[in-house]
Amino acid sequence: MDPASQDINLNSPNKGLSVDHSDSLSDVPVQGAMGNSATPLPPGLTEEEAEELRTELTKVEEEINTLRQVLSAKERHAAELKRKLGLSPLNELKQNLTKSWQDVQTSNAYKKTQETLSQAGQKTSAALTTVGSAITRRLGDMRNSATFKSFEDKMGNLKYKVVGPKGNGEAASSPTDTTPTQENPPF
């Protein structure tokens, strides 16, 4: 057996058997190949019209490819110009965001929302001021009440008993405070 006639696929069940190469794939006809007019024409279309449409389709596809090439060249040129001008994608993004924010600020919806929030803020501030004044007034009334005065007097008496007559910022000493001496060591 010569090596050309052996099956070299190791997973083949015919491994090592001679193979007949008389049937070549080039002899097998291929259906639907280019140029094969076996494709049925749409109804009402002649062979000449179909050929004209194929020719026109080829031209349009060539034009599309040409336009893609031109667009690609223009995009490269624009990128080069931007690079020379120092414009980076980040700078462009910043400019776009700035312009968009300016557009938002000039929109009617933004202006109306800003006015509404400003009015709401003013009303809230006025309400809080009123509540604060009411609380302050109420606390003042409470301080002047008999109950509070009685409580204040009792607290004053308690302070006098704990601190003593030296209650003007001086530290009071407790009767258990002793200064350690040599006779009474701290340990």
C-alpha atoms as a PDB file:
ATOM      1  CA  MET A   1       0.000   0.000   0.000  1.00  0.00           C
ATOM      2  CA  ASP A   2       1.341   3.409  -0.918  1.00  0.00           C
ATOM      3  CA  PRO A   3       0.758   6.281   1.542  1.00  0.00           C
ATOM      4  CA  ALA A   4      -1.293   8.306  -0.971  1.00  0.00           C
ATOM      5  CA  SER A   5      -3.949   5.626  -1.078  1.00  0.00           C
ATOM      6  CA  GLN A   6      -4.271   5.274   2.708  1.00  0.00           C
ATOM      7  CA  ASP A   7      -6.890   7.037   4.802  1.00  0.00           C
ATOM      8  CA  ILE A   8      -4.923   9.327   7.124  1.00  0.00           C
ATOM      9  CA  ASN A   9      -7.836  10.239   9.411  1.00  0.00           C
ATOM     10  CA  LEU A  10      -6.997   8.426  12.652  1.00  0.00           C
ATOM     11  CA  ASN A  11     -10.647   8.407  13.747  1.00  0.00           C
ATOM     12  CA  SER A  12     -11.819   6.849  10.504  1.00  0.00           C
ATOM     13  CA  PRO A  13     -13.190   3.286  10.537  1.00  0.00           C
ATOM     14  CA  ASN A  14     -11.278   2.761   7.262  1.00  0.00           C
ATOM     15  CA  LYS A  15      -7.909   3.518   8.890  1.00  0.00           C
ATOM     16  CA  GLY A  16      -5.144   1.870   6.968  1.00  0.00           C
ATOM     17  CA  LEU A  17      -7.406   0.640   4.167  1.00  0.00           C
ATOM     18  CA  SER A  18      -6.844   1.686   0.627  1.00  0.00           C
ATOM     19  CA  VAL A  19      -9.092   4.498  -0.626  1.00  0.00           C
ATOM     20  CA  ASP A  20     -10.364   4.851  -4.158  1.00  0.00           C
ATOM     21  CA  HIS A  21      -9.689   8.452  -5.343  1.00  0.00           C
ATOM     22  CA  SER A  22     -11.391   8.019  -8.704  1.00  0.00           C
ATOM     23  CA  ASP A  23     -14.408  10.118  -7.577  1.00  0.00           C
ATOM     24  CA  SER A  24     -13.215  13.686  -7.322  1.00  0.00           C
ATOM     25  CA  LEU A  25     -15.259  16.509  -5.800  1.00  0.00           C
ATOM     26  CA  SER A  26     -14.572  18.652  -8.847  1.00  0.00           C
ATOM     27  CA  ASP A  27     -16.769  16.320 -10.870  1.00  0.00           C
ATOM     28  CA  VAL A  28     -19.785  16.912  -8.614  1.00  0.00           C
ATOM     29  CA  PRO A  29     -22.123  19.636  -9.957  1.00  0.00           C
ATOM     30  CA  VAL A  30     -22.921  22.480  -7.514  1.00  0.00           C
ATOM     31  CA  GLN A  31     -26.472  23.793  -7.398  1.00  0.00           C
ATOM     32  CA  GLY A  32     -27.091  27.569  -7.092  1.00  0.00           C
ATOM     33  CA  ALA A  33     -23.587  28.658  -8.066  1.00  0.00           C
ATOM     34  CA  MET A  34     -22.995  32.181  -9.370  1.00  0.00           C
ATOM     35  CA  GLY A  35     -23.814  32.544 -13.018  1.00  0.00           C
ATOM     36  CA  ASN A  36     -26.178  29.627 -12.884  1.00  0.00           C
ATOM     37  CA  SER A  37     -29.478  30.773 -14.280  1.00  0.00           C
ATOM     38  CA  ALA A  38     -31.330  27.967 -12.517  1.00  0.00           C
ATOM     39  CA  THR A  39     -32.723  30.557 -10.071  1.00  0.00           C
ATOM     40  CA  PRO A  40     -36.293  31.203 -11.113  1.00  0.00           C
ATOM     41  CA  LEU A  41     -37.085  34.755 -12.156  1.00  0.00           C
ATOM     42  CA  PRO A  42     -39.819  36.659 -10.350  1.00  0.00           C
ATOM     43  CA  PRO A  43     -43.119  36.706 -12.264  1.00  0.00           C
ATOM     44  CA  GLY A  44     -43.332  39.382 -14.953  1.00  0.00           C
ATOM     45  CA  LEU A  45     -39.547  39.828 -15.227  1.00  0.00           C
ATOM     46  CA  THR A  46     -37.668  38.905 -18.379  1.00  0.00           C
ATOM     47  CA  GLU A  47     -34.099  37.639 -18.534  1.00  0.00           C
ATOM     48  CA  GLU A  48     -32.913  40.976 -20.028  1.00  0.00           C
ATOM     49  CA  GLU A  49     -34.595  42.985 -17.250  1.00  0.00           C
ATOM     50  CA  ALA A  50     -33.086  40.710 -14.614  1.00  0.00           C
ATOM     51  CA  GLU A  51     -29.636  41.185 -16.166  1.00  0.00           C
ATOM     52  CA  GLU A  52     -30.106  44.991 -16.163  1.00  0.00           C
ATOM     53  CA  LEU A  53     -31.128  44.891 -12.492  1.00  0.00           C
ATOM     54  CA  ARG A  54     -28.078  42.762 -11.622  1.00  0.00           C
ATOM     55  CA  THR A  55     -25.831  45.227 -13.442  1.00  0.00           C
ATOM     56  CA  GLU A  56     -27.445  48.178 -11.665  1.00  0.00           C
ATOM     57  CA  LEU A  57     -27.145  46.375  -8.304  1.00  0.00           C
ATOM     58  CA  THR A  58     -23.438  45.805  -8.932  1.00  0.00           C
ATOM     59  CA  LYS A  59     -22.934  49.511  -9.752  1.00  0.00           C
ATOM     60  CA  VAL A  60     -24.853  50.639  -6.640  1.00  0.00           C
ATOM     61  CA  GLU A  61     -22.820  48.295  -4.424  1.00  0.00           C
ATOM     62  CA  GLU A  62     -19.591  49.664  -5.938  1.00  0.00           C
ATOM     63  CA  GLU A  63     -20.789  53.236  -5.256  1.00  0.00           C
ATOM     64  CA  ILE A  64     -21.625  52.299  -1.671  1.00  0.00           C
ATOM     65  CA  ASN A  65     -18.120  50.898  -1.190  1.00  0.00           C
ATOM     66  CA  THR A  66     -16.612  54.028  -2.735  1.00  0.00           C
ATOM     67  CA  LEU A  67     -18.665  56.246  -0.435  1.00  0.00           C
ATOM     68  CA  ARG A  68     -17.571  54.181   2.579  1.00  0.00           C
ATOM     69  CA  GLN A  69     -13.953  54.691   1.597  1.00  0.00           C
ATOM     70  CA  VAL A  70     -14.471  58.438   1.120  1.00  0.00           C
ATOM     71  CA  LEU A  71     -16.272  58.686   4.483  1.00  0.00           C
ATOM     72  CA  SER A  72     -13.483  56.784   6.200  1.00  0.00           C
ATOM     73  CA  ALA A  73     -10.876  59.117   4.681  1.00  0.00           C
ATOM     74  CA  LYS A  74     -12.894  62.178   5.766  1.00  0.00           C
ATOM     75  CA  GLU A  75     -13.208  60.809   9.325  1.00  0.00           C
ATOM     76  CA  ARG A  76      -9.443  60.237   9.499  1.00  0.00           C
ATOM     77  CA  HIS A  77      -8.843  63.770   8.201  1.00  0.00           C
ATOM     78  CA  ALA A  78     -11.258  65.232  10.777  1.00  0.00           C
ATOM     79  CA  ALA A  79      -9.555  63.283  13.579  1.00  0.00           C
ATOM     80  CA  GLU A  80      -6.168  64.599  12.452  1.00  0.00           C
ATOM     81  CA  LEU A  81      -7.459  68.192  12.396  1.00  0.00           C
ATOM     82  CA  LYS A  82      -8.944  67.784  15.886  1.00  0.00           C
ATOM     83  CA  ARG A  83      -5.650  66.379  17.137  1.00  0.00           C
ATOM     84  CA  LYS A  84      -3.764  69.373  15.687  1.00  0.00           C
ATOM     85  CA  LEU A  85      -6.234  71.769  17.318  1.00  0.00           C
ATOM     86  CA  GLY A  86      -5.846  70.001  20.652  1.00  0.00           C
ATOM     87  CA  LEU A  87      -9.424  68.820  20.742  1.00  0.00           C
ATOM     88  CA  SER A  88      -9.734  65.512  22.536  1.00  0.00           C
ATOM     89  CA  PRO A  89     -12.846  63.401  22.979  1.00  0.00           C
ATOM     90  CA  LEU A  90     -12.886  64.470  26.646  1.00  0.00           C
ATOM     91  CA  ASN A  91     -12.854  68.159  25.687  1.00  0.00           C
ATOM     92  CA  GLU A  92     -15.656  67.560  23.205  1.00  0.00           C
ATOM     93  CA  LEU A  93     -17.664  65.781  25.889  1.00  0.00           C
ATOM     94  CA  LYS A  94     -17.148  68.700  28.290  1.00  0.00           C
ATOM     95  CA  GLN A  95     -18.283  71.166  25.614  1.00  0.00           C
ATOM     96  CA  ASN A  96     -21.341  69.050  24.814  1.00  0.00           C
ATOM     97  CA  LEU A  97     -22.272  68.790  28.496  1.00  0.00           C
ATOM     98  CA  THR A  98     -21.814  72.527  29.015  1.00  0.00           C
ATOM     99  CA  LYS A  99     -23.985  73.329  26.001  1.00  0.00           C
ATOM    100  CA  SER A 100     -26.622  70.813  27.108  1.00  0.00           C
ATOM    101  CA  TRP A 101     -26.705  72.324  30.609  1.00  0.00           C
ATOM    102  CA  GLN A 102     -27.100  75.810  29.128  1.00  0.00           C
ATOM    103  CA  ASP A 103     -29.950  74.527  26.959  1.00  0.00           C
ATOM    104  CA  VAL A 104     -31.630  73.006  30.011  1.00  0.00           C
ATOM    105  CA  GLN A 105     -31.285  76.247  31.984  1.00  0.00           C
ATOM    106  CA  THR A 106     -32.901  78.254  29.211  1.00  0.00           C
ATOM    107  CA  SER A 107     -35.815  75.845  28.824  1.00  0.00           C
ATOM    108  CA  ASN A 108     -39.269  76.879  30.036  1.00  0.00           C
ATOM    109  CA  ALA A 109     -39.669  73.732  32.134  1.00  0.00           C
ATOM    110  CA  TYR A 110     -36.459  74.483  34.049  1.00  0.00           C
ATOM    111  CA  LYS A 111     -37.464  78.101  34.648  1.00  0.00           C
ATOM    112  CA  LYS A 112     -40.905  77.098  35.928  1.00  0.00           C
ATOM    113  CA  THR A 113     -39.426  74.429  38.178  1.00  0.00           C
ATOM    114  CA  GLN A 114     -36.867  76.887  39.519  1.00  0.00           C
ATOM    115  CA  GLU A 115     -39.587  79.452  40.291  1.00  0.00           C
ATOM    116  CA  THR A 116     -41.755  76.837  41.997  1.00  0.00           C
ATOM    117  CA  LEU A 117     -38.868  75.573  44.130  1.00  0.00           C
ATOM    118  CA  SER A 118     -37.882  79.133  45.023  1.00  0.00           C
ATOM    119  CA  GLN A 119     -41.431  79.913  46.161  1.00  0.00           C
ATOM    120  CA  ALA A 120     -41.593  76.664  48.111  1.00  0.00           C
ATOM    121  CA  GLY A 121     -38.280  77.496  49.782  1.00  0.00           C
ATOM    122  CA  GLN A 122     -39.518  80.963  50.761  1.00  0.00           C
ATOM    123  CA  LYS A 123     -42.734  79.544  52.179  1.00  0.00           C
ATOM    124  CA  THR A 124     -40.842  76.853  54.080  1.00  0.00           C
ATOM    125  CA  SER A 125     -38.450  79.436  55.488  1.00  0.00           C
ATOM    126  CA  ALA A 126     -41.344  81.626  56.595  1.00  0.00           C
ATOM    127  CA  ALA A 127     -43.088  78.642  58.198  1.00  0.00           C
ATOM    128  CA  LEU A 128     -39.931  77.625  60.070  1.00  0.00           C
ATOM    129  CA  THR A 129     -39.433  81.192  61.266  1.00  0.00           C
ATOM    130  CA  THR A 130     -43.016  81.249  62.538  1.00  0.00           C
ATOM    131  CA  VAL A 131     -42.590  77.892  64.280  1.00  0.00           C
ATOM    132  CA  GLY A 132     -39.303  79.052  65.823  1.00  0.00           C
ATOM    133  CA  SER A 133     -40.913  82.242  67.095  1.00  0.00           C
ATOM    134  CA  ALA A 134     -43.823  80.293  68.531  1.00  0.00           C
ATOM    135  CA  ILE A 135     -41.484  77.871  70.314  1.00  0.00           C
ATOM    136  CA  THR A 136     -39.405  80.742  71.700  1.00  0.00           C
ATOM    137  CA  ARG A 137     -42.518  82.518  72.934  1.00  0.00           C
ATOM    138  CA  ARG A 138     -43.850  79.293  74.472  1.00  0.00           C
ATOM    139  CA  LEU A 139     -40.572  78.619  76.274  1.00  0.00           C
ATOM    140  CA  GLY A 140     -40.592  82.186  77.606  1.00  0.00           C
ATOM    141  CA  ASP A 141     -44.138  81.687  78.863  1.00  0.00           C
ATOM    142  CA  MET A 142     -43.102  78.433  80.516  1.00  0.00           C
ATOM    143  CA  ARG A 143     -40.150  80.098  82.231  1.00  0.00           C
ATOM    144  CA  ASN A 144     -42.423  82.740  83.651  1.00  0.00           C
ATOM    145  CA  SER A 145     -44.939  80.170  84.882  1.00  0.00           C
ATOM    146  CA  ALA A 146     -45.338  79.377  88.579  1.00  0.00           C
ATOM    147  CA  THR A 147     -44.454  75.720  88.058  1.00  0.00           C
ATOM    148  CA  PHE A 148     -41.144  76.565  86.418  1.00  0.00           C
ATOM    149  CA  LYS A 149     -40.300  79.179  89.098  1.00  0.00           C
ATOM    150  CA  SER A 150     -40.983  76.611  91.800  1.00  0.00           C
ATOM    151  CA  PHE A 151     -38.779  74.063  89.994  1.00  0.00           C
ATOM    152  CA  GLU A 152     -36.032  76.683  89.565  1.00  0.00           C
ATOM    153  CA  ASP A 153     -36.128  77.536  93.261  1.00  0.00           C
ATOM    154  CA  LYS A 154     -35.870  73.876  94.225  1.00  0.00           C
ATOM    155  CA  MET A 155     -32.899  73.380  91.897  1.00  0.00           C
ATOM    156  CA  GLY A 156     -31.232  76.467  93.342  1.00  0.00           C
ATOM    157  CA  ASN A 157     -31.668  75.128  96.880  1.00  0.00           C
ATOM    158  CA  LEU A 158     -30.278  71.754  95.845  1.00  0.00           C
ATOM    159  CA  LYS A 159     -27.272  73.440  94.267  1.00  0.00           C
ATOM    160  CA  TYR A 160     -26.648  75.461  97.436  1.00  0.00           C
ATOM    161  CA  LYS A 161     -26.758  72.314  99.522  1.00  0.00           C
ATOM    162  CA  VAL A 162     -24.352  70.417  97.231  1.00  0.00           C
ATOM    163  CA  VAL A 163     -21.944  73.177  96.298  1.00  0.00           C
ATOM    164  CA  GLY A 164     -22.289  75.449  99.265  1.00  0.00           C
ATOM    165  CA  PRO A 165     -21.844  79.207  99.385  1.00  0.00           C
ATOM    166  CA  LYS A 166     -18.721  79.053  97.110  1.00  0.00           C
ATOM    167  CA  GLY A 167     -20.804  78.253  93.977  1.00  0.00           C
ATOM    168  CA  ASN A 168     -19.304  81.096  91.913  1.00  0.00           C
ATOM    169  CA  GLY A 169     -17.025  78.964  89.732  1.00  0.00           C
ATOM    170  CA  GLU A 170     -14.791  77.771  92.555  1.00  0.00           C
ATOM    171  CA  ALA A 171     -14.488  74.064  93.058  1.00  0.00           C
ATOM    172  CA  ALA A 172     -16.149  72.756  96.153  1.00  0.00           C
ATOM    173  CA  SER A 173     -14.249  70.344  98.313  1.00  0.00           C
ATOM    174  CA  SER A 174     -15.871  67.306  99.714  1.00  0.00           C
ATOM    175  CA  PRO A 175     -15.383  66.384 103.359  1.00  0.00           C
ATOM    176  CA  THR A 176     -13.767  63.110 102.299  1.00  0.00           C
ATOM    177  CA  ASP A 177     -10.933  64.898 100.448  1.00  0.00           C
ATOM    178  CA  THR A 178      -7.668  64.353 102.276  1.00  0.00           C
ATOM    179  CA  THR A 179      -4.191  65.224 101.309  1.00  0.00           C
ATOM    180  CA  PRO A 180      -1.939  62.210 101.530  1.00  0.00           C
ATOM    181  CA  THR A 181       0.992  62.700 103.835  1.00  0.00           C
ATOM    182  CA  GLN A 182       3.963  60.623 104.728  1.00  0.00           C
ATOM    183  CA  GLU A 183       2.146  59.260 107.750  1.00  0.00           C
ATOM    184  CA  ASN A 184      -0.803  58.140 105.596  1.00  0.00           C
ATOM    185  CA  PRO A 185       0.692  56.626 102.410  1.00  0.00           C
ATOM    186  CA  PRO A 186      -1.796  56.312  99.526  1.00  0.00           C
ATOM    187  CA  PHE A 187      -1.282  52.547  99.137  1.00  0.00           C
END
